[in-house]
C-alpha atoms as a PDB file:
ATOM      1  CA  MET A   1       0.000   0.000   0.000  1.00  0.00           C
ATOM      2  CA  ILE A   2       1.245   3.483  -0.941  1.00  0.00           C
ATOM      3  CA  LEU A   3       0.402   6.522   1.175  1.00  0.00           C
ATOM      4  CA  VAL A   4       0.293   9.807  -0.750  1.00  0.00           C
ATOM      5  CA  THR A   5       0.141  12.913   1.411  1.00  0.00           C
ATOM      6  CA  GLY A   6      -1.193  16.058  -0.201  1.00  0.00           C
ATOM      7  CA  GLY A   7      -3.250  13.876  -2.520  1.00  0.00           C
ATOM      8  CA  SER A   8      -5.712  16.676  -3.270  1.00  0.00           C
ATOM      9  CA  GLY A   9      -3.005  19.063  -4.483  1.00  0.00           C
ATOM     10  CA  PHE A  10      -1.775  19.768  -8.003  1.00  0.00           C
ATOM     11  CA  VAL A  11       0.932  17.085  -8.037  1.00  0.00           C
ATOM     12  CA  GLY A  12      -1.005  14.792  -5.705  1.00  0.00           C
ATOM     13  CA  LYS A  13      -3.966  14.547  -8.070  1.00  0.00           C
ATOM     14  CA  ALA A  14      -1.655  13.700 -10.964  1.00  0.00           C
ATOM     15  CA  LEU A  15       0.172  11.080  -8.892  1.00  0.00           C
ATOM     16  CA  THR A  16      -2.944   9.352  -7.549  1.00  0.00           C
ATOM     17  CA  GLY A  17      -4.410   9.374 -11.045  1.00  0.00           C
ATOM     18  CA  GLU A  18      -1.334   7.585 -12.383  1.00  0.00           C
ATOM     19  CA  LEU A  19      -1.347   5.101  -9.505  1.00  0.00           C
ATOM     20  CA  ALA A  20      -4.956   4.276 -10.313  1.00  0.00           C
ATOM     21  CA  ARG A  21      -4.117   3.919 -14.000  1.00  0.00           C
ATOM     22  CA  ARG A  22      -1.315   1.481 -13.154  1.00  0.00           C
ATOM     23  CA  GLY A  23      -3.551  -0.464 -10.790  1.00  0.00           C
ATOM     24  CA  LEU A  24      -1.354   0.200  -7.746  1.00  0.00           C
ATOM     25  CA  PRO A  25      -3.029   0.304  -4.314  1.00  0.00           C
ATOM     26  CA  TYR A  26      -2.809   3.686  -2.607  1.00  0.00           C
ATOM     27  CA  ARG A  27      -4.364   5.830   0.087  1.00  0.00           C
ATOM     28  CA  SER A  28      -4.384   9.622   0.033  1.00  0.00           C
ATOM     29  CA  ALA A  29      -4.149  11.753   3.151  1.00  0.00           C
ATOM     30  CA  GLY A  30      -4.619  15.460   3.660  1.00  0.00           C
ATOM     31  CA  ARG A  31      -5.855  18.138   5.999  1.00  0.00           C
ATOM     32  CA  ARG A  32      -9.572  18.022   5.204  1.00  0.00           C
ATOM     33  CA  THR A  33     -12.302  15.437   4.788  1.00  0.00           C
ATOM     34  CA  GLY A  34     -14.003  14.992   1.450  1.00  0.00           C
ATOM     35  CA  VAL A  35     -10.911  15.484  -0.698  1.00  0.00           C
ATOM     36  CA  CYS A  36      -8.689  12.634   0.556  1.00  0.00           C
ATOM     37  CA  ASP A  37      -9.202   9.102   1.839  1.00  0.00           C
ATOM     38  CA  VAL A  38      -7.964  10.032   5.310  1.00  0.00           C
ATOM     39  CA  ALA A  39      -8.109  13.479   6.936  1.00  0.00           C
ATOM     40  CA  VAL A  40      -5.310  14.177   9.418  1.00  0.00           C
ATOM     41  CA  GLY A  41      -5.990  17.838  10.169  1.00  0.00           C
ATOM     42  CA  GLU A  42      -3.182  20.361  10.417  1.00  0.00           C
ATOM     43  CA  ILE A  43       0.195  18.889   9.430  1.00  0.00           C
ATOM     44  CA  ASP A  44       2.851  19.711  12.025  1.00  0.00           C
ATOM     45  CA  GLY A  45       4.962  18.037  14.665  1.00  0.00           C
ATOM     46  CA  SER A  46       1.950  16.635  16.541  1.00  0.00           C
ATOM     47  CA  THR A  47      -0.160  15.185  13.701  1.00  0.00           C
ATOM     48  CA  ASP A  48      -1.439  11.655  14.292  1.00  0.00           C
ATOM     49  CA  TRP A  49      -0.779   9.579  11.155  1.00  0.00           C
ATOM     50  CA  SER A  50      -1.705   6.168  12.614  1.00  0.00           C
ATOM     51  CA  GLN A  51      -4.894   5.706  10.581  1.00  0.00           C
ATOM     52  CA  ALA A  52      -3.247   6.847   7.360  1.00  0.00           C
ATOM     53  CA  LEU A  53      -0.197   4.592   7.858  1.00  0.00           C
ATOM     54  CA  ALA A  54      -2.038   1.345   8.585  1.00  0.00           C
ATOM     55  CA  GLY A  55      -0.773  -1.328   6.185  1.00  0.00           C
ATOM     56  CA  VAL A  56       1.477   1.097   4.292  1.00  0.00           C
ATOM     57  CA  ASP A  57       4.959   0.138   3.081  1.00  0.00           C
ATOM     58  CA  LEU A  58       5.733   3.217   0.927  1.00  0.00           C
ATOM     59  CA  VAL A  59       5.120   6.895   1.678  1.00  0.00           C
ATOM     60  CA  VAL A  60       5.235   9.687  -0.908  1.00  0.00           C
ATOM     61  CA  HIS A  61       5.191  12.932   1.055  1.00  0.00           C
ATOM     62  CA  LEU A  62       3.894  15.806  -1.061  1.00  0.00           C
ATOM     63  CA  ALA A  63       1.978  17.805   1.541  1.00  0.00           C
ATOM     64  CA  ALA A  64       3.725  21.046   2.407  1.00  0.00           C
ATOM     65  CA  ARG A  65       3.374  24.724   3.105  1.00  0.00           C
ATOM     66  CA  VAL A  66       4.435  25.968  -0.300  1.00  0.00           C
ATOM     67  CA  HIS A  67       6.404  29.042  -1.265  1.00  0.00           C
ATOM     68  CA  VAL A  68       4.159  32.080  -1.665  1.00  0.00           C
ATOM     69  CA  MET A  69       4.785  35.623  -2.845  1.00  0.00           C
ATOM     70  CA  ASN A  70       4.057  38.367  -0.277  1.00  0.00           C
ATOM     71  CA  ASP A  71       3.808  35.973   2.678  1.00  0.00           C
ATOM     72  CA  THR A  72       1.663  37.499   5.434  1.00  0.00           C
ATOM     73  CA  ALA A  73       2.824  35.212   8.258  1.00  0.00           C
ATOM     74  CA  VAL A  74       4.267  37.101  11.243  1.00  0.00           C
ATOM     75  CA  ASP A  75       7.212  34.669  11.311  1.00  0.00           C
ATOM     76  CA  PRO A  76       7.405  32.968   7.886  1.00  0.00           C
ATOM     77  CA  LEU A  77      10.325  30.707   8.814  1.00  0.00           C
ATOM     78  CA  ALA A  78       8.507  29.388  11.894  1.00  0.00           C
ATOM     79  CA  ALA A  79       5.378  28.754   9.811  1.00  0.00           C
ATOM     80  CA  PHE A  80       7.337  26.871   7.143  1.00  0.00           C
ATOM     81  CA  ARG A  81       9.251  24.866   9.747  1.00  0.00           C
ATOM     82  CA  ALA A  82       6.080  23.822  11.566  1.00  0.00           C
ATOM     83  CA  SER A  83       4.665  22.171   8.446  1.00  0.00           C
ATOM     84  CA  ASN A  84       7.624  21.338   6.218  1.00  0.00           C
ATOM     85  CA  THR A  85      10.231  20.400   8.813  1.00  0.00           C
ATOM     86  CA  ASP A  86       8.430  19.326  11.986  1.00  0.00           C
ATOM     87  CA  GLY A  87       5.472  17.885  10.065  1.00  0.00           C
ATOM     88  CA  THR A  88       7.709  15.877   7.737  1.00  0.00           C
ATOM     89  CA  LEU A  89       9.930  14.462  10.473  1.00  0.00           C
ATOM     90  CA  ASN A  90       6.954  13.587  12.653  1.00  0.00           C
ATOM     91  CA  LEU A  91       5.432  11.639   9.760  1.00  0.00           C
ATOM     92  CA  ALA A  92       8.754   9.930   8.996  1.00  0.00           C
ATOM     93  CA  ARG A  93       9.248   8.777  12.599  1.00  0.00           C
ATOM     94  CA  GLN A  94       5.738   7.336  12.723  1.00  0.00           C
ATOM     95  CA  ALA A  95       6.239   5.730   9.300  1.00  0.00           C
ATOM     96  CA  ALA A  96       9.450   4.045  10.422  1.00  0.00           C
ATOM     97  CA  ALA A  97       7.756   2.802  13.591  1.00  0.00           C
ATOM     98  CA  CYS A  98       4.958   1.299  11.455  1.00  0.00           C
ATOM     99  CA  GLY A  99       7.431  -0.620   9.296  1.00  0.00           C
ATOM    100  CA  VAL A 100       7.344   1.580   6.184  1.00  0.00           C
ATOM    101  CA  LYS A 101      10.199   0.498   3.921  1.00  0.00           C
ATOM    102  CA  ARG A 102      10.745   3.642   1.832  1.00  0.00           C
ATOM    103  CA  PHE A 103       9.893   7.316   2.313  1.00  0.00           C
ATOM    104  CA  VAL A 104       9.942   9.527  -0.811  1.00  0.00           C
ATOM    105  CA  PHE A 105      10.138  13.213   0.090  1.00  0.00           C
ATOM    106  CA  ILE A 106       9.328  15.922  -2.430  1.00  0.00           C
ATOM    107  CA  SER A 107      11.683  18.752  -1.576  1.00  0.00           C
ATOM    108  CA  THR A 108      12.599  21.693  -3.835  1.00  0.00           C
ATOM    109  CA  LEU A 109      15.457  22.929  -6.020  1.00  0.00           C
ATOM    110  CA  LYS A 110      15.439  26.001  -3.767  1.00  0.00           C
ATOM    111  CA  VAL A 111      17.438  23.884  -1.305  1.00  0.00           C
ATOM    112  CA  ASN A 112      20.353  24.350  -3.716  1.00  0.00           C
ATOM    113  CA  GLY A 113      19.789  28.082  -4.039  1.00  0.00           C
ATOM    114  CA  GLU A 114      17.856  30.756  -5.884  1.00  0.00           C
ATOM    115  CA  GLU A 115      19.942  31.364  -9.005  1.00  0.00           C
ATOM    116  CA  THR A 116      22.590  29.727 -11.171  1.00  0.00           C
ATOM    117  CA  LEU A 117      25.319  31.219 -13.322  1.00  0.00           C
ATOM    118  CA  PRO A 118      25.290  30.510 -17.070  1.00  0.00           C
ATOM    119  CA  GLY A 119      26.754  27.077 -17.735  1.00  0.00           C
ATOM    120  CA  HIS A 120      26.803  26.144 -14.038  1.00  0.00           C
ATOM    121  CA  PRO A 121      23.577  24.274 -13.231  1.00  0.00           C
ATOM    122  CA  PHE A 122      22.899  22.957  -9.750  1.00  0.00           C
ATOM    123  CA  ARG A 123      23.760  19.332  -9.016  1.00  0.00           C
ATOM    124  CA  ALA A 124      22.409  17.126  -6.259  1.00  0.00           C
ATOM    125  CA  GLY A 125      25.808  16.923  -4.579  1.00  0.00           C
ATOM    126  CA  ASP A 126      26.317  20.693  -4.363  1.00  0.00           C
ATOM    127  CA  ALA A 127      26.435  22.269  -0.915  1.00  0.00           C
ATOM    128  CA  PRO A 128      22.891  23.442  -0.054  1.00  0.00           C
ATOM    129  CA  GLN A 129      22.427  27.216  -0.049  1.00  0.00           C
ATOM    130  CA  PRO A 130      18.723  27.896   0.587  1.00  0.00           C
ATOM    131  CA  LEU A 131      17.959  31.574   0.987  1.00  0.00           C
ATOM    132  CA  ASP A 132      14.252  31.855   1.742  1.00  0.00           C
ATOM    133  CA  PRO A 133      12.187  30.276   4.557  1.00  0.00           C
ATOM    134  CA  TYR A 134      10.622  27.706   2.224  1.00  0.00           C
ATOM    135  CA  GLY A 135      13.994  26.432   1.009  1.00  0.00           C
ATOM    136  CA  VAL A 136      15.443  26.472   4.537  1.00  0.00           C
ATOM    137  CA  SER A 137      12.532  24.426   5.917  1.00  0.00           C
ATOM    138  CA  LYS A 138      12.889  21.836   3.167  1.00  0.00           C
ATOM    139  CA  ARG A 139      16.662  21.584   3.660  1.00  0.00           C
ATOM    140  CA  GLU A 140      16.176  21.043   7.403  1.00  0.00           C
ATOM    141  CA  ALA A 141      13.622  18.337   6.642  1.00  0.00           C
ATOM    142  CA  GLU A 142      16.107  16.600   4.328  1.00  0.00           C
ATOM    143  CA  ASP A 143      18.761  16.676   7.066  1.00  0.00           C
ATOM    144  CA  GLY A 144      16.341  15.254   9.620  1.00  0.00           C
ATOM    145  CA  LEU A 145      15.217  12.508   7.246  1.00  0.00           C
ATOM    146  CA  SER A 146      18.829  11.468   6.742  1.00  0.00           C
ATOM    147  CA  ARG A 147      19.198  11.033  10.498  1.00  0.00           C
ATOM    148  CA  ILE A 148      15.957   9.059  10.760  1.00  0.00           C
ATOM    149  CA  ALA A 149      17.071   6.769   7.924  1.00  0.00           C
ATOM    150  CA  ALA A 150      20.374   6.106   9.696  1.00  0.00           C
ATOM    151  CA  GLU A 151      18.642   5.432  13.021  1.00  0.00           C
ATOM    152  CA  THR A 152      15.766   3.260  11.782  1.00  0.00           C
ATOM    153  CA  GLY A 153      16.850   1.648   8.513  1.00  0.00           C
ATOM    154  CA  MET A 154      13.889   3.109   6.624  1.00  0.00           C
ATOM    155  CA  GLU A 155      15.026   4.093   3.137  1.00  0.00           C
ATOM    156  CA  VAL A 156      14.645   7.777   2.269  1.00  0.00           C
ATOM    157  CA  VAL A 157      14.664   9.368  -1.189  1.00  0.00           C
ATOM    158  CA  CYS A 158      14.680  13.173  -1.591  1.00  0.00           C
ATOM    159  CA  ILE A 159      13.567  14.742  -4.870  1.00  0.00           C
ATOM    160  CA  ARG A 160      14.248  18.414  -5.626  1.00  0.00           C
ATOM    161  CA  PRO A 161      12.055  19.636  -8.482  1.00  0.00           C
ATOM    162  CA  PRO A 162      12.173  23.132  -9.987  1.00  0.00           C
ATOM    163  CA  LEU A 163       8.970  24.899 -11.053  1.00  0.00           C
ATOM    164  CA  VAL A 164       6.270  22.309 -11.850  1.00  0.00           C
ATOM    165  CA  TYR A 165       3.714  23.027 -14.573  1.00  0.00           C
ATOM    166  CA  GLY A 166       0.787  21.325 -16.255  1.00  0.00           C
ATOM    167  CA  PRO A 167      -3.024  21.397 -16.371  1.00  0.00           C
ATOM    168  CA  GLY A 168      -4.395  22.850 -13.157  1.00  0.00           C
ATOM    169  CA  VAL A 169      -1.205  24.633 -12.107  1.00  0.00           C
ATOM    170  CA  LYS A 170      -1.607  27.861 -10.171  1.00  0.00           C
ATOM    171  CA  ALA A 171       0.588  30.721  -8.931  1.00  0.00           C
ATOM    172  CA  ASN A 172       3.531  31.977 -11.005  1.00  0.00           C
ATOM    173  CA  PHE A 173       3.313  29.663 -14.000  1.00  0.00           C
ATOM    174  CA  ALA A 174      -0.448  30.131 -14.295  1.00  0.00           C
ATOM    175  CA  ALA A 175       0.058  33.905 -14.372  1.00  0.00           C
ATOM    176  CA  LEU A 176       2.788  33.599 -17.000  1.00  0.00           C
ATOM    177  CA  HIS A 177       0.662  31.242 -19.104  1.00  0.00           C
ATOM    178  CA  LYS A 178      -2.252  33.670 -18.936  1.00  0.00           C
ATOM    179  CA  LEU A 179       0.021  36.529 -20.025  1.00  0.00           C
ATOM    180  CA  ALA A 180       1.470  34.519 -22.911  1.00  0.00           C
ATOM    181  CA  SER A 181      -2.000  33.368 -23.943  1.00  0.00           C
ATOM    182  CA  GLY A 182      -2.984  36.884 -24.929  1.00  0.00           C
ATOM    183  CA  SER A 183      -2.377  38.410 -28.328  1.00  0.00           C
ATOM    184  CA  LEU A 184      -0.434  41.521 -27.358  1.00  0.00           C
ATOM    185  CA  PRO A 185       3.293  41.700 -28.252  1.00  0.00           C
ATOM    186  CA  LEU A 186       5.481  41.143 -25.185  1.00  0.00           C
ATOM    187  CA  PRO A 187       8.795  42.893 -24.409  1.00  0.00           C
ATOM    188  CA  PHE A 188      10.950  39.868 -23.498  1.00  0.00           C
ATOM    189  CA  LEU A 189      12.972  39.116 -26.637  1.00  0.00           C
ATOM    190  CA  SER A 190      16.289  40.352 -25.149  1.00  0.00           C
ATOM    191  CA  ILE A 191      16.171  38.216 -21.992  1.00  0.00           C
ATOM    192  CA  ARG A 192      18.862  35.521 -22.066  1.00  0.00           C
ATOM    193  CA  ASN A 193      18.179  33.536 -18.897  1.00  0.00           C
ATOM    194  CA  ARG A 194      17.989  29.730 -18.599  1.00  0.00           C
ATOM    195  CA  ARG A 195      15.454  27.966 -16.403  1.00  0.00           C
ATOM    196  CA  SER A 196      14.701  24.334 -15.683  1.00  0.00           C
ATOM    197  CA  MET A 197      11.094  23.264 -15.266  1.00  0.00           C
ATOM    198  CA  VAL A 198       9.336  19.939 -14.960  1.00  0.00           C
ATOM    199  CA  TYR A 199       6.016  18.905 -16.460  1.00  0.00           C
ATOM    200  CA  VAL A 200       3.826  17.282 -13.805  1.00  0.00           C
ATOM    201  CA  GLY A 201       3.644  14.080 -15.869  1.00  0.00           C
ATOM    202  CA  ASN A 202       7.430  13.828 -15.849  1.00  0.00           C
ATOM    203  CA  LEU A 203       7.588  14.500 -12.114  1.00  0.00           C
ATOM    204  CA  VAL A 204       5.015  11.795 -11.397  1.00  0.00           C
ATOM    205  CA  ASP A 205       6.926   9.307 -13.543  1.00  0.00           C
ATOM    206  CA  PHE A 206      10.151  10.200 -11.713  1.00  0.00           C
ATOM    207  CA  ILE A 207       8.518   9.838  -8.298  1.00  0.00           C
ATOM    208  CA  LEU A 208       7.375   6.347  -9.189  1.00  0.00           C
ATOM    209  CA  ARG A 209      10.831   5.444 -10.475  1.00  0.00           C
ATOM    210  CA  CYS A 210      12.342   6.618  -7.168  1.00  0.00           C
ATOM    211  CA  ALA A 211       9.698   4.646  -5.278  1.00  0.00           C
ATOM    212  CA  GLU A 212      10.718   1.335  -6.820  1.00  0.00           C
ATOM    213  CA  HIS A 213      14.338   1.532  -7.996  1.00  0.00           C
ATOM    214  CA  PRO A 214      16.825  -0.149  -5.606  1.00  0.00           C
ATOM    215  CA  ALA A 215      19.548   2.398  -6.420  1.00  0.00           C
ATOM    216  CA  ALA A 216      17.368   5.307  -5.274  1.00  0.00           C
ATOM    217  CA  ALA A 217      17.597   4.379  -1.587  1.00  0.00           C
ATOM    218  CA  ASN A 218      19.026   7.114   0.645  1.00  0.00           C
ATOM    219  CA  ARG A 219      19.903   9.444  -2.218  1.00  0.00           C
ATOM    220  CA  THR A 220      18.922  12.923  -3.359  1.00  0.00           C
ATOM    221  CA  PHE A 221      17.959  13.618  -6.974  1.00  0.00           C
ATOM    222  CA  LEU A 222      17.242  16.638  -9.130  1.00  0.00           C
ATOM    223  CA  VAL A 223      14.523  16.330 -11.763  1.00  0.00           C
ATOM    224  CA  SER A 224      13.432  18.406 -14.760  1.00  0.00           C
ATOM    225  CA  ASP A 225      12.246  18.065 -18.333  1.00  0.00           C
ATOM    226  CA  GLY A 226      15.901  18.117 -19.401  1.00  0.00           C
ATOM    227  CA  ASP A 227      15.070  21.047 -21.690  1.00  0.00           C
ATOM    228  CA  ASP A 228      16.098  24.347 -20.114  1.00  0.00           C
ATOM    229  CA  VAL A 229      14.645  27.437 -21.761  1.00  0.00           C
ATOM    230  CA  SER A 230      14.860  31.207 -21.694  1.00  0.00           C
ATOM    231  CA  LEU A 231      11.794  33.327 -20.973  1.00  0.00           C
ATOM    232  CA  PRO A 232      11.280  34.320 -24.640  1.00  0.00           C
ATOM    233  CA  VAL A 233      11.587  30.696 -25.759  1.00  0.00           C
ATOM    234  CA  LEU A 234       9.054  29.625 -23.121  1.00  0.00           C
ATOM    235  CA  ILE A 235       6.560  32.279 -24.162  1.00  0.00           C
ATOM    236  CA  SER A 236       7.056  31.378 -27.811  1.00  0.00           C
ATOM    237  CA  ARG A 237       6.377  27.706 -27.029  1.00  0.00           C
ATOM    238  CA  ILE A 238       3.258  28.546 -25.043  1.00  0.00           C
ATOM    239  CA  ARG A 239       1.956  30.593 -27.940  1.00  0.00           C
ATOM    240  CA  VAL A 240       2.812  27.852 -30.446  1.00  0.00           C
ATOM    241  CA  SER A 241       0.830  25.376 -28.302  1.00  0.00           C
ATOM    242  CA  LEU A 242      -2.134  27.738 -28.621  1.00  0.00           C
ATOM    243  CA  GLY A 243      -1.678  28.269 -32.359  1.00  0.00           C
ATOM    244  CA  LYS A 244      -0.503  31.865 -31.890  1.00  0.00           C
ATOM    245  CA  PRO A 245       2.555  33.722 -33.262  1.00  0.00           C
ATOM    246  CA  ALA A 246       5.361  34.537 -30.792  1.00  0.00           C
ATOM    247  CA  ARG A 247       5.071  38.347 -31.152  1.00  0.00           C
ATOM    248  CA  LEU A 248       8.029  39.359 -28.961  1.00  0.00           C
ATOM    249  CA  PHE A 249      10.059  42.546 -29.127  1.00  0.00           C
ATOM    250  CA  PRO A 250      13.310  43.565 -27.390  1.00  0.00           C
ATOM    251  CA  VAL A 251      13.601  45.697 -24.260  1.00  0.00           C
ATOM    252  CA  PRO A 252      16.939  45.802 -22.381  1.00  0.00           C
ATOM    253  CA  PRO A 253      16.788  43.638 -19.222  1.00  0.00           C
ATOM    254  CA  PHE A 254      18.021  46.519 -17.036  1.00  0.00           C
ATOM    255  CA  VAL A 255      14.710  48.280 -17.699  1.00  0.00           C
ATOM    256  CA  PHE A 256      12.868  45.435 -15.959  1.00  0.00           C
ATOM    257  CA  THR A 257      15.374  45.432 -13.103  1.00  0.00           C
ATOM    258  CA  LEU A 258      15.023  49.187 -12.574  1.00  0.00           C
ATOM    259  CA  ALA A 259      11.234  49.077 -12.731  1.00  0.00           C
ATOM    260  CA  ALA A 260      11.155  46.184 -10.237  1.00  0.00           C
ATOM    261  CA  ARG A 261      13.399  48.090  -7.836  1.00  0.00           C
ATOM    262  CA  LEU A 262      11.174  51.170  -8.016  1.00  0.00           C
ATOM    263  CA  LEU A 263       8.059  49.060  -7.439  1.00  0.00           C
ATOM    264  CA  GLY A 264       9.603  46.914  -4.692  1.00  0.00           C
ATOM    265  CA  LYS A 265       9.258  43.780  -6.836  1.00  0.00           C
ATOM    266  CA  GLN A 266      12.885  42.627  -6.872  1.00  0.00           C
ATOM    267  CA  GLU A 267      11.949  39.025  -6.077  1.00  0.00           C
ATOM    268  CA  PHE A 268       9.542  38.954  -9.001  1.00  0.00           C
ATOM    269  CA  ALA A 269      12.219  40.373 -11.311  1.00  0.00           C
ATOM    270  CA  GLN A 270      14.709  37.720 -10.188  1.00  0.00           C
ATOM    271  CA  ARG A 271      12.226  35.001 -11.054  1.00  0.00           C
ATOM    272  CA  LEU A 272      11.501  36.611 -14.400  1.00  0.00           C
ATOM    273  CA  LEU A 273      15.066  37.435 -15.464  1.00  0.00           C
ATOM    274  CA  GLY A 274      17.351  35.112 -13.493  1.00  0.00           C
ATOM    275  CA  SER A 275      18.602  31.629 -14.361  1.00  0.00           C
ATOM    276  CA  LEU A 276      17.866  28.503 -12.342  1.00  0.00           C
ATOM    277  CA  GLU A 277      19.091  25.268 -13.934  1.00  0.00           C
ATOM    278  CA  ALA A 278      19.201  21.693 -12.663  1.00  0.00           C
ATOM    279  CA  ASP A 279      21.639  19.085 -13.970  1.00  0.00           C
ATOM    280  CA  ILE A 280      19.732  15.779 -14.136  1.00  0.00           C
ATOM    281  CA  ALA A 281      22.584  13.688 -15.571  1.00  0.00           C
ATOM    282  CA  GLU A 282      22.929  11.767 -12.294  1.00  0.00           C
ATOM    283  CA  SER A 283      19.191  11.071 -12.163  1.00  0.00           C
ATOM    284  CA  ARG A 284      19.323   9.690 -15.693  1.00  0.00           C
ATOM    285  CA  ALA A 285      22.416   7.574 -15.045  1.00  0.00           C
ATOM    286  CA  VAL A 286      21.593   6.129 -11.620  1.00  0.00           C
ATOM    287  CA  LEU A 287      17.929   5.402 -12.285  1.00  0.00           C
ATOM    288  CA  GLY A 288      18.035   4.842 -16.046  1.00  0.00           C
ATOM    289  CA  TRP A 289      15.348   7.510 -16.319  1.00  0.00           C
ATOM    290  CA  THR A 290      14.375   9.590 -19.327  1.00  0.00           C
ATOM    291  CA  PRO A 291      11.548  12.142 -19.170  1.00  0.00           C
ATOM    292  CA  PRO A 292       8.638  10.462 -20.974  1.00  0.00           C
ATOM    293  CA  PHE A 293       7.076  13.799 -22.008  1.00  0.00           C
ATOM    294  CA  THR A 294       8.512  16.781 -23.840  1.00  0.00           C
ATOM    295  CA  MET A 295       7.792  20.376 -22.877  1.00  0.00           C
ATOM    296  CA  ALA A 296       5.662  20.586 -26.020  1.00  0.00           C
ATOM    297  CA  ASP A 297       3.578  17.690 -24.659  1.00  0.00           C
ATOM    298  CA  GLY A 298       3.078  19.473 -21.348  1.00  0.00           C
ATOM    299  CA  LEU A 299       2.169  22.818 -22.894  1.00  0.00           C
ATOM    300  CA  LYS A 300      -0.203  21.113 -25.317  1.00  0.00           C
ATOM    301  CA  ALA A 301      -1.941  19.442 -22.361  1.00  0.00           C
ATOM    302  CA  MET A 302      -2.383  22.879 -20.793  1.00  0.00           C
ATOM    303  CA  ALA A 303      -3.685  24.321 -24.067  1.00  0.00           C
ATOM    304  CA  PHE A 304      -6.444  21.729 -24.129  1.00  0.00           C
ATOM    305  CA  GLU A 305      -7.298  22.227 -20.448  1.00  0.00           C
ATOM    306  CA  PRO A 306     -11.073  22.651 -20.050  1.00  0.00           C
ATOM    307  CA  GLY A 307     -12.036  26.303 -19.848  1.00  0.00           C
ATOM    308  CA  LEU A 308      -8.762  27.643 -21.230  1.00  0.00           C
ATOM    309  CA  SER A 309     -10.180  28.564 -24.627  1.00  0.00           C
ATOM    310  CA  SER A 310     -12.918  30.621 -22.996  1.00  0.00           C
ATOM    311  CA  ARG A 311     -10.320  32.516 -20.965  1.00  0.00           C
ATOM    312  CA  GLN A 312      -8.557  33.561 -24.169  1.00  0.00           C
ATOM    313  CA  LYS A 313     -11.573  35.515 -25.449  1.00  0.00           C
END
């Protein structure tokens, strides 16, 4: 039996759907009733997972307090730690005590850092350099899981994805997709950044490979589509998926940087203009994994998402 936490979320729905398609037994757990098989309430260091863990031999832990822009928490780091660090380690200890054999933890590329230099992508073995509370909380969870694995013998696999996209995605990528879906020319042609992303179908396939492959035990992996793109290339591909011309024109990047500084949106500008690449060579070699979907596949799936065509009008 496989326990999927966060089963009602964006990635969780895709994962449970694929488990059902493959005929694999699973149970989903989340905070609320009605959306998961088992409701556990707030996820923190005191959550009782006993009902959810009954008969389980594999845990895929997706549930988390995710990174948000303009966080309103009084102490963001404490809020992220309560869910992402304390909540994860509490679940892992209970899982080990229940005889769970492997614990797959979905972390984040932000554990490595916020930005890469051209030609120097992050690798799984790089020294962690998280800068924001979300990345710090995930890094601390990874460290704690390593200790639990050593103490209990439960196998732990940590996966650090970059931005995940696909039908139903929200937040930053949804906003970018909406912008690119319009017909107005956009001023991004001169931007020369490089960013890794992962289509949700590729992430789900990678999670399942890490769940079953013997060589994945007690290792950390980076995952992506293996097709890093600049912002203008991404927008062009989104528009191609919608049958639209690219319609981009050049504006010097410093104009965006200056405008962001004046508006207090430096973090947004970094996400728009900066590079963040993941080297997945080790993931390919160790696990014999190749992304089953291309970025074109993922963007096409979003283009045919119900309701999207009506939003273009």
